[in-house]
């Protein structure tokens, strides 16, 4: 998300994290973290805490995380927000349907 703010950082004579570390390196790291976080979201199902509804939501979230790596940062962040929403909604619905 910091990459979108580079213009504003330059106007206020500041540097963003992306500029300190190099934009390409920063983007690669952000993409890697997005995919790893998406894959980690499947752990509650694997550990037996959630059921099929959560599994479906987490699979879609993983796909969104992978798709976000091919988008420009301003679009990719929307994919990540949607991913977080899906995981939250999937776990809530899973809990309502199957119980604790």
N, C-alpha and C. Protein backbone atom coordinates (compact mmCIF):
# COMPACT_ATOMS: atom_id res chain seq x y z
N UNK A 1 0.83 -1.19 0.00
CA UNK A 1 0.00 0.00 0.00
C UNK A 1 0.87 1.25 0.00
N UNK A 2 2.08 1.12 0.48
CA UNK A 2 2.98 2.27 0.57
C UNK A 2 3.39 2.78 -0.80
N UNK A 3 3.38 1.92 -1.80
CA UNK A 3 3.81 2.32 -3.14
C UNK A 3 2.87 3.37 -3.71
N UNK A 4 1.58 3.29 -3.39
CA UNK A 4 0.63 4.27 -3.90
C UNK A 4 0.89 5.66 -3.37
N UNK A 5 1.55 5.76 -2.22
CA UNK A 5 1.78 7.05 -1.56
C UNK A 5 3.10 7.71 -1.93
N UNK A 6 3.82 7.16 -2.89
CA UNK A 6 5.15 7.71 -3.22
C UNK A 6 5.07 9.17 -3.62
N UNK A 7 4.09 9.56 -4.44
CA UNK A 7 3.97 10.96 -4.86
C UNK A 7 3.79 11.88 -3.66
N UNK A 8 2.90 11.52 -2.76
CA UNK A 8 2.68 12.34 -1.57
C UNK A 8 3.90 12.40 -0.68
N UNK A 9 4.63 11.29 -0.57
CA UNK A 9 5.85 11.27 0.23
C UNK A 9 6.90 12.20 -0.36
N UNK A 10 7.00 12.21 -1.68
CA UNK A 10 7.98 13.08 -2.34
C UNK A 10 7.63 14.55 -2.14
N UNK A 11 6.34 14.88 -2.19
CA UNK A 11 5.93 16.27 -2.02
C UNK A 11 6.23 16.77 -0.61
N UNK A 12 6.16 15.90 0.36
CA UNK A 12 6.44 16.31 1.73
C UNK A 12 7.90 16.06 2.11
N UNK A 13 8.73 15.81 1.11
CA UNK A 13 10.17 15.60 1.26
C UNK A 13 10.49 14.37 2.11
N UNK A 14 9.62 13.41 2.08
CA UNK A 14 9.86 12.16 2.80
C UNK A 14 10.08 11.03 1.82
N UNK A 15 10.49 9.92 2.32
CA UNK A 15 10.66 8.74 1.49
C UNK A 15 9.77 7.63 2.02
N UNK A 16 9.23 6.88 1.09
CA UNK A 16 8.40 5.75 1.48
C UNK A 16 9.29 4.52 1.69
N UNK A 17 8.71 3.49 2.30
CA UNK A 17 9.44 2.24 2.48
C UNK A 17 9.85 1.67 1.13
N UNK A 18 8.97 1.80 0.14
CA UNK A 18 9.28 1.29 -1.19
C UNK A 18 10.51 1.96 -1.78
N UNK A 19 10.67 3.26 -1.56
CA UNK A 19 11.84 3.95 -2.09
C UNK A 19 13.11 3.59 -1.33
N UNK A 20 13.00 3.40 -0.03
CA UNK A 20 14.17 3.00 0.74
C UNK A 20 14.71 1.64 0.31
N UNK A 21 13.82 0.73 0.06
CA UNK A 21 14.25 -0.63 -0.21
C UNK A 21 14.33 -0.98 -1.69
N UNK A 22 13.90 -0.11 -2.55
CA UNK A 22 13.88 -0.40 -3.98
C UNK A 22 12.52 -0.94 -4.37
N UNK A 23 11.87 -0.32 -5.31
CA UNK A 23 10.48 -0.64 -5.65
C UNK A 23 10.29 -2.09 -6.08
N UNK A 24 11.17 -2.62 -6.92
CA UNK A 24 10.99 -3.99 -7.41
C UNK A 24 11.13 -5.00 -6.29
N UNK A 25 12.13 -4.82 -5.44
CA UNK A 25 12.33 -5.74 -4.32
C UNK A 25 11.12 -5.69 -3.38
N UNK A 26 10.62 -4.49 -3.12
CA UNK A 26 9.48 -4.30 -2.24
C UNK A 26 8.23 -4.97 -2.82
N UNK A 27 8.03 -4.84 -4.12
CA UNK A 27 6.87 -5.47 -4.76
C UNK A 27 6.97 -6.98 -4.70
N UNK A 28 8.15 -7.53 -4.92
CA UNK A 28 8.32 -8.99 -4.83
C UNK A 28 8.02 -9.50 -3.43
N UNK A 29 8.51 -8.78 -2.44
CA UNK A 29 8.25 -9.18 -1.06
C UNK A 29 6.76 -9.10 -0.74
N UNK A 30 6.10 -8.04 -1.17
CA UNK A 30 4.67 -7.88 -0.92
C UNK A 30 3.88 -8.98 -1.61
N UNK A 31 4.26 -9.34 -2.82
CA UNK A 31 3.58 -10.42 -3.53
C UNK A 31 3.77 -11.76 -2.82
N UNK A 32 4.97 -12.01 -2.37
CA UNK A 32 5.27 -13.25 -1.65
C UNK A 32 4.44 -13.34 -0.37
N UNK A 33 4.39 -12.25 0.39
CA UNK A 33 3.63 -12.22 1.64
C UNK A 33 2.15 -12.43 1.37
N UNK A 34 1.62 -11.82 0.31
CA UNK A 34 0.19 -11.98 -0.02
C UNK A 34 -0.15 -13.44 -0.29
N UNK A 35 0.69 -14.12 -1.05
CA UNK A 35 0.42 -15.53 -1.37
C UNK A 35 0.59 -16.41 -0.13
N UNK A 36 1.63 -16.19 0.64
CA UNK A 36 1.84 -16.99 1.85
C UNK A 36 0.69 -16.79 2.83
N UNK A 37 0.25 -15.56 3.01
CA UNK A 37 -0.88 -15.29 3.91
C UNK A 37 -2.15 -15.97 3.40
N UNK A 38 -2.34 -15.99 2.09
CA UNK A 38 -3.49 -16.69 1.53
C UNK A 38 -3.44 -18.18 1.82
N UNK A 39 -2.27 -18.77 1.66
CA UNK A 39 -2.12 -20.21 1.91
C UNK A 39 -2.27 -20.52 3.40
N UNK A 40 -1.77 -19.65 4.25
CA UNK A 40 -1.89 -19.86 5.69
C UNK A 40 -3.35 -19.85 6.13
N UNK A 41 -4.20 -19.17 5.37
CA UNK A 41 -5.61 -19.09 5.74
C UNK A 41 -6.31 -20.45 5.70
N UNK A 42 -5.70 -21.44 5.08
CA UNK A 42 -6.31 -22.76 5.02
C UNK A 42 -6.02 -23.60 6.28
N UNK A 43 -5.11 -23.12 7.11
CA UNK A 43 -4.74 -23.86 8.32
C UNK A 43 -5.90 -24.19 9.26
N UNK A 44 -6.83 -23.28 9.52
CA UNK A 44 -7.94 -23.66 10.41
C UNK A 44 -8.73 -24.87 9.91
N UNK A 45 -8.86 -25.01 8.61
CA UNK A 45 -9.53 -26.20 8.07
C UNK A 45 -8.67 -27.44 8.28
N UNK A 46 -7.40 -27.34 7.96
CA UNK A 46 -6.48 -28.48 8.09
C UNK A 46 -6.40 -28.94 9.55
N UNK A 47 -6.43 -28.00 10.48
CA UNK A 47 -6.34 -28.35 11.90
C UNK A 47 -7.67 -28.79 12.50
N UNK A 48 -8.73 -28.74 11.69
CA UNK A 48 -10.02 -29.23 12.14
C UNK A 48 -10.90 -28.23 12.86
N UNK A 49 -10.52 -26.96 12.85
CA UNK A 49 -11.32 -25.93 13.53
C UNK A 49 -12.52 -25.49 12.70
N UNK A 50 -12.46 -25.64 11.39
CA UNK A 50 -13.52 -25.18 10.50
C UNK A 50 -13.91 -26.30 9.53
N UNK A 51 -15.02 -26.10 8.86
CA UNK A 51 -15.55 -27.13 7.95
C UNK A 51 -15.52 -26.64 6.50
N UNK A 52 -16.40 -27.20 5.68
CA UNK A 52 -16.37 -27.00 4.23
C UNK A 52 -16.65 -25.56 3.78
N UNK A 53 -17.51 -24.85 4.49
CA UNK A 53 -17.81 -23.47 4.07
C UNK A 53 -16.56 -22.62 4.18
N UNK A 54 -15.85 -22.75 5.28
CA UNK A 54 -14.59 -22.02 5.44
C UNK A 54 -13.58 -22.45 4.39
N UNK A 55 -13.52 -23.74 4.10
CA UNK A 55 -12.58 -24.24 3.08
C UNK A 55 -12.85 -23.57 1.74
N UNK A 56 -14.12 -23.49 1.35
CA UNK A 56 -14.46 -22.84 0.07
C UNK A 56 -14.03 -21.38 0.08
N UNK A 57 -14.28 -20.67 1.17
CA UNK A 57 -13.89 -19.26 1.27
C UNK A 57 -12.37 -19.12 1.21
N UNK A 58 -11.65 -20.01 1.87
CA UNK A 58 -10.19 -19.88 1.86
C UNK A 58 -9.58 -20.24 0.51
N UNK A 59 -10.19 -21.16 -0.22
CA UNK A 59 -9.68 -21.48 -1.56
C UNK A 59 -9.86 -20.27 -2.49
N UNK A 60 -11.02 -19.63 -2.41
CA UNK A 60 -11.23 -18.41 -3.21
C UNK A 60 -10.26 -17.32 -2.77
N UNK A 61 -10.01 -17.21 -1.48
CA UNK A 61 -9.07 -16.21 -0.97
C UNK A 61 -7.66 -16.47 -1.49
N UNK A 62 -7.26 -17.73 -1.56
CA UNK A 62 -5.93 -18.06 -2.10
C UNK A 62 -5.85 -17.67 -3.57
N UNK A 63 -6.90 -17.95 -4.32
CA UNK A 63 -6.93 -17.54 -5.74
C UNK A 63 -6.83 -16.03 -5.87
N UNK A 64 -7.54 -15.29 -5.03
CA UNK A 64 -7.45 -13.83 -5.06
C UNK A 64 -6.04 -13.36 -4.73
N UNK A 65 -5.40 -14.01 -3.77
CA UNK A 65 -4.03 -13.63 -3.41
C UNK A 65 -3.09 -13.84 -4.59
N UNK A 66 -3.24 -14.97 -5.26
CA UNK A 66 -2.39 -15.24 -6.44
C UNK A 66 -2.68 -14.24 -7.56
N UNK A 67 -3.96 -13.96 -7.80
CA UNK A 67 -4.32 -12.99 -8.83
C UNK A 67 -3.80 -11.59 -8.50
N UNK A 68 -3.77 -11.25 -7.22
CA UNK A 68 -3.31 -9.91 -6.82
C UNK A 68 -1.84 -9.69 -7.17
N UNK A 69 -1.08 -10.76 -7.30
CA UNK A 69 0.35 -10.61 -7.62
C UNK A 69 0.57 -10.13 -9.05
N UNK A 70 -0.44 -10.23 -9.88
CA UNK A 70 -0.31 -9.82 -11.28
C UNK A 70 -0.98 -8.48 -11.57
N UNK A 71 -1.40 -7.79 -10.53
CA UNK A 71 -2.07 -6.51 -10.69
C UNK A 71 -1.18 -5.39 -10.18
N UNK A 72 -1.47 -4.18 -10.63
CA UNK A 72 -0.73 -3.03 -10.09
C UNK A 72 -1.17 -2.84 -8.64
N UNK A 73 -0.32 -2.23 -7.81
CA UNK A 73 -0.60 -2.16 -6.37
C UNK A 73 -1.97 -1.56 -6.02
N UNK A 74 -2.42 -0.56 -6.73
CA UNK A 74 -3.71 0.06 -6.37
C UNK A 74 -4.87 -0.90 -6.59
N UNK A 75 -4.77 -1.81 -7.54
CA UNK A 75 -5.80 -2.83 -7.76
C UNK A 75 -5.57 -4.03 -6.85
N UNK A 76 -4.32 -4.41 -6.66
CA UNK A 76 -3.98 -5.58 -5.84
C UNK A 76 -4.48 -5.42 -4.41
N UNK A 77 -4.42 -4.21 -3.87
CA UNK A 77 -4.87 -4.01 -2.49
C UNK A 77 -6.36 -4.29 -2.36
N UNK A 78 -7.13 -4.03 -3.41
CA UNK A 78 -8.57 -4.35 -3.39
C UNK A 78 -8.80 -5.85 -3.35
N UNK A 79 -7.96 -6.59 -4.06
CA UNK A 79 -8.05 -8.05 -4.02
C UNK A 79 -7.76 -8.56 -2.60
N UNK A 80 -6.77 -7.95 -1.96
CA UNK A 80 -6.40 -8.37 -0.60
C UNK A 80 -7.54 -8.03 0.37
N UNK A 81 -8.16 -6.85 0.22
CA UNK A 81 -9.30 -6.51 1.08
C UNK A 81 -10.43 -7.51 0.89
N UNK A 82 -10.69 -7.89 -0.35
CA UNK A 82 -11.73 -8.87 -0.64
C UNK A 82 -11.37 -10.23 -0.04
N UNK A 83 -10.09 -10.56 -0.09
CA UNK A 83 -9.61 -11.82 0.50
C UNK A 83 -9.89 -11.83 2.01
N UNK A 84 -9.57 -10.75 2.69
CA UNK A 84 -9.81 -10.66 4.13
C UNK A 84 -11.31 -10.76 4.43
N UNK A 85 -12.12 -10.08 3.63
CA UNK A 85 -13.56 -10.15 3.81
C UNK A 85 -14.07 -11.58 3.64
N UNK A 86 -13.60 -12.28 2.62
CA UNK A 86 -14.04 -13.66 2.38
C UNK A 86 -13.69 -14.59 3.54
N UNK A 87 -12.48 -14.46 4.04
CA UNK A 87 -12.07 -15.30 5.16
C UNK A 87 -12.94 -15.01 6.39
N UNK A 88 -13.19 -13.73 6.64
CA UNK A 88 -14.02 -13.35 7.79
C UNK A 88 -15.45 -13.86 7.62
N UNK A 89 -16.03 -13.63 6.45
CA UNK A 89 -17.40 -14.07 6.20
C UNK A 89 -17.48 -15.60 6.18
N UNK A 90 -16.50 -16.24 5.58
CA UNK A 90 -16.50 -17.71 5.53
C UNK A 90 -16.43 -18.32 6.92
N UNK A 91 -15.62 -17.76 7.79
CA UNK A 91 -15.53 -18.32 9.14
C UNK A 91 -16.81 -18.03 9.93
N UNK A 92 -17.41 -16.87 9.72
CA UNK A 92 -18.66 -16.55 10.42
C UNK A 92 -19.80 -17.48 9.97
N UNK A 93 -19.95 -17.67 8.67
CA UNK A 93 -21.00 -18.54 8.15
C UNK A 93 -20.74 -19.99 8.56
N UNK A 94 -19.50 -20.40 8.50
CA UNK A 94 -19.13 -21.76 8.93
C UNK A 94 -19.53 -21.98 10.38
N UNK A 95 -19.28 -21.01 11.21
CA UNK A 95 -19.62 -21.10 12.63
C UNK A 95 -21.14 -21.14 12.83
N UNK A 96 -21.88 -20.33 12.05
CA UNK A 96 -23.33 -20.32 12.18
C UNK A 96 -23.96 -21.65 11.71
N UNK A 97 -23.40 -22.23 10.66
CA UNK A 97 -23.97 -23.47 10.12
C UNK A 97 -23.56 -24.68 10.94
N UNK A 98 -22.28 -24.81 11.25
CA UNK A 98 -21.78 -26.01 11.92
C UNK A 98 -21.63 -25.88 13.43
N UNK A 99 -21.68 -24.66 13.93
CA UNK A 99 -21.50 -24.44 15.37
C UNK A 99 -20.04 -24.50 15.77
N UNK A 100 -19.78 -24.24 17.05
CA UNK A 100 -18.37 -24.22 17.52
C UNK A 100 -17.76 -25.60 17.61
